[in-house]
Amino acid sequence: MDQLKTGSFIKELRREMGFTQEQLAEKFSVSRRTVSRWETGKYMPDLSLLKPLSEELGITLNEL
């Protein structure tokens, strides 16, 4: 899994859904900084968050 591509994809989908980083962070009980790190490819979401994140962004787990 390419972290930079995944991060860009999360960012694109978040913006399409109309969420701010803070709003997305609140939904998953993480900090806004954590969401920023996902989007820049510095970190990947925790495995336990992948399925709920994909559902929130309206995609399948495989697409994520």
N, C-alpha and C. Protein backbone atom coordinates (compact mmCIF):
# COMPACT_ATOMS: atom_id res chain seq x y z
N MET A 1 0.84 -1.17 0.00
CA MET A 1 0.00 0.00 0.00
C MET A 1 0.89 1.24 0.00
N ASP A 2 0.69 2.12 -0.94
CA ASP A 2 1.46 3.35 -1.07
C ASP A 2 0.86 4.41 -0.14
N GLN A 3 1.60 4.81 0.87
CA GLN A 3 1.08 5.75 1.86
C GLN A 3 0.73 7.10 1.26
N LEU A 4 1.54 7.59 0.32
CA LEU A 4 1.25 8.89 -0.28
C LEU A 4 -0.03 8.86 -1.11
N LYS A 5 -0.21 7.80 -1.90
CA LYS A 5 -1.42 7.67 -2.70
C LYS A 5 -2.65 7.51 -1.82
N THR A 6 -2.52 6.69 -0.79
CA THR A 6 -3.63 6.48 0.13
C THR A 6 -3.99 7.78 0.83
N GLY A 7 -3.00 8.51 1.28
CA GLY A 7 -3.24 9.79 1.95
C GLY A 7 -3.93 10.80 1.05
N SER A 8 -3.47 10.89 -0.19
CA SER A 8 -4.09 11.80 -1.15
C SER A 8 -5.53 11.40 -1.42
N PHE A 9 -5.77 10.11 -1.49
CA PHE A 9 -7.12 9.59 -1.74
C PHE A 9 -8.05 9.92 -0.57
N ILE A 10 -7.56 9.75 0.66
CA ILE A 10 -8.36 10.09 1.84
C ILE A 10 -8.69 11.58 1.82
N LYS A 11 -7.71 12.40 1.50
CA LYS A 11 -7.91 13.85 1.46
C LYS A 11 -8.95 14.23 0.41
N GLU A 12 -8.83 13.65 -0.76
CA GLU A 12 -9.76 13.93 -1.85
C GLU A 12 -11.19 13.55 -1.46
N LEU A 13 -11.36 12.36 -0.90
CA LEU A 13 -12.68 11.90 -0.49
C LEU A 13 -13.25 12.74 0.65
N ARG A 14 -12.40 13.10 1.60
CA ARG A 14 -12.84 13.93 2.72
C ARG A 14 -13.39 15.26 2.20
N ARG A 15 -12.68 15.86 1.27
CA ARG A 15 -13.11 17.14 0.71
C ARG A 15 -14.42 16.98 -0.08
N GLU A 16 -14.53 15.90 -0.85
CA GLU A 16 -15.76 15.65 -1.60
C GLU A 16 -16.96 15.50 -0.68
N MET A 17 -16.73 14.89 0.49
CA MET A 17 -17.80 14.69 1.46
C MET A 17 -18.12 15.98 2.24
N GLY A 18 -17.25 16.98 2.10
CA GLY A 18 -17.47 18.25 2.77
C GLY A 18 -17.03 18.28 4.22
N PHE A 19 -16.16 17.36 4.61
CA PHE A 19 -15.66 17.32 5.99
C PHE A 19 -14.36 18.11 6.10
N THR A 20 -14.19 18.74 7.25
CA THR A 20 -12.88 19.31 7.57
C THR A 20 -12.05 18.19 8.21
N GLN A 21 -10.77 18.43 8.35
CA GLN A 21 -9.93 17.45 9.04
C GLN A 21 -10.43 17.26 10.47
N GLU A 22 -10.82 18.35 11.09
CA GLU A 22 -11.30 18.29 12.47
C GLU A 22 -12.57 17.45 12.58
N GLN A 23 -13.50 17.61 11.66
CA GLN A 23 -14.74 16.85 11.70
C GLN A 23 -14.47 15.35 11.52
N LEU A 24 -13.59 15.02 10.59
CA LEU A 24 -13.25 13.61 10.38
C LEU A 24 -12.55 13.05 11.62
N ALA A 25 -11.67 13.84 12.18
CA ALA A 25 -10.95 13.41 13.40
C ALA A 25 -11.92 13.12 14.54
N GLU A 26 -12.92 13.97 14.71
CA GLU A 26 -13.89 13.77 15.79
C GLU A 26 -14.66 12.47 15.62
N LYS A 27 -14.99 12.12 14.38
CA LYS A 27 -15.74 10.89 14.11
C LYS A 27 -14.98 9.65 14.53
N PHE A 28 -13.65 9.72 14.51
CA PHE A 28 -12.83 8.56 14.82
C PHE A 28 -12.02 8.72 16.10
N SER A 29 -12.34 9.73 16.86
CA SER A 29 -11.66 9.98 18.15
C SER A 29 -10.15 10.05 18.02
N VAL A 30 -9.72 10.77 16.99
CA VAL A 30 -8.29 11.03 16.80
C VAL A 30 -8.13 12.55 16.69
N SER A 31 -6.90 13.02 16.70
CA SER A 31 -6.67 14.46 16.59
C SER A 31 -6.69 14.89 15.13
N ARG A 32 -6.89 16.18 14.92
CA ARG A 32 -6.83 16.73 13.56
C ARG A 32 -5.44 16.51 12.97
N ARG A 33 -4.46 16.57 13.82
CA ARG A 33 -3.07 16.36 13.38
C ARG A 33 -2.88 14.93 12.84
N THR A 34 -3.56 13.97 13.46
CA THR A 34 -3.49 12.58 13.00
C THR A 34 -4.07 12.48 11.59
N VAL A 35 -5.21 13.11 11.36
CA VAL A 35 -5.82 13.10 10.02
C VAL A 35 -4.87 13.75 9.02
N SER A 36 -4.25 14.84 9.42
CA SER A 36 -3.28 15.51 8.55
C SER A 36 -2.12 14.58 8.20
N ARG A 37 -1.67 13.82 9.16
CA ARG A 37 -0.56 12.88 8.92
C ARG A 37 -0.99 11.75 7.99
N TRP A 38 -2.26 11.31 8.10
CA TRP A 38 -2.75 10.31 7.15
C TRP A 38 -2.69 10.89 5.74
N GLU A 39 -3.19 12.12 5.61
CA GLU A 39 -3.32 12.73 4.29
C GLU A 39 -1.98 13.07 3.64
N THR A 40 -0.96 13.31 4.44
CA THR A 40 0.36 13.60 3.88
C THR A 40 1.20 12.34 3.69
N GLY A 41 0.66 11.21 4.11
CA GLY A 41 1.37 9.95 3.94
C GLY A 41 2.40 9.66 5.00
N LYS A 42 2.41 10.44 6.07
CA LYS A 42 3.37 10.19 7.14
C LYS A 42 2.96 9.01 8.01
N TYR A 43 1.66 8.81 8.15
CA TYR A 43 1.11 7.70 8.91
C TYR A 43 -0.05 7.09 8.14
N MET A 44 -0.36 5.86 8.49
CA MET A 44 -1.55 5.20 7.95
C MET A 44 -2.56 5.09 9.08
N PRO A 45 -3.84 5.12 8.74
CA PRO A 45 -4.84 4.91 9.80
C PRO A 45 -4.62 3.55 10.46
N ASP A 46 -4.99 3.47 11.74
CA ASP A 46 -4.90 2.24 12.47
C ASP A 46 -5.78 1.20 11.79
N LEU A 47 -5.33 -0.05 11.83
CA LEU A 47 -6.10 -1.12 11.18
C LEU A 47 -7.55 -1.17 11.65
N SER A 48 -7.77 -0.88 12.92
CA SER A 48 -9.14 -0.93 13.45
C SER A 48 -10.02 0.18 12.88
N LEU A 49 -9.41 1.19 12.27
CA LEU A 49 -10.18 2.31 11.71
C LEU A 49 -10.43 2.18 10.21
N LEU A 50 -9.78 1.25 9.56
CA LEU A 50 -9.89 1.17 8.10
C LEU A 50 -11.31 0.92 7.62
N LYS A 51 -11.99 -0.05 8.19
CA LYS A 51 -13.35 -0.35 7.75
C LYS A 51 -14.30 0.81 8.05
N PRO A 52 -14.32 1.32 9.30
CA PRO A 52 -15.21 2.46 9.57
C PRO A 52 -14.86 3.70 8.72
N LEU A 53 -13.58 3.93 8.46
CA LEU A 53 -13.17 5.06 7.64
C LEU A 53 -13.67 4.90 6.21
N SER A 54 -13.51 3.71 5.66
CA SER A 54 -13.98 3.49 4.29
C SER A 54 -15.49 3.66 4.21
N GLU A 55 -16.22 3.19 5.21
CA GLU A 55 -17.68 3.36 5.23
C GLU A 55 -18.06 4.83 5.32
N GLU A 56 -17.37 5.57 6.15
CA GLU A 56 -17.65 7.01 6.31
C GLU A 56 -17.38 7.77 5.01
N LEU A 57 -16.36 7.33 4.27
CA LEU A 57 -16.00 8.00 3.03
C LEU A 57 -16.76 7.47 1.82
N GLY A 58 -17.61 6.47 2.05
CA GLY A 58 -18.48 5.96 1.00
C GLY A 58 -17.77 5.08 -0.02
N ILE A 59 -16.75 4.37 0.42
CA ILE A 59 -16.01 3.46 -0.46
C ILE A 59 -15.87 2.10 0.20
N THR A 60 -15.42 1.14 -0.58
CA THR A 60 -15.19 -0.18 0.00
C THR A 60 -13.82 -0.21 0.67
N LEU A 61 -13.63 -1.19 1.50
CA LEU A 61 -12.33 -1.36 2.14
C LEU A 61 -11.25 -1.61 1.10
N ASN A 62 -11.56 -2.37 0.07
CA ASN A 62 -10.61 -2.64 -1.00
C ASN A 62 -10.20 -1.37 -1.74
N GLU A 63 -11.13 -0.45 -1.93
CA GLU A 63 -10.81 0.79 -2.61
C GLU A 63 -9.85 1.64 -1.79
N LEU A 64 -10.03 1.58 -0.49
CA LEU A 64 -9.15 2.34 0.40
C LEU A 64 -7.75 1.74 0.37
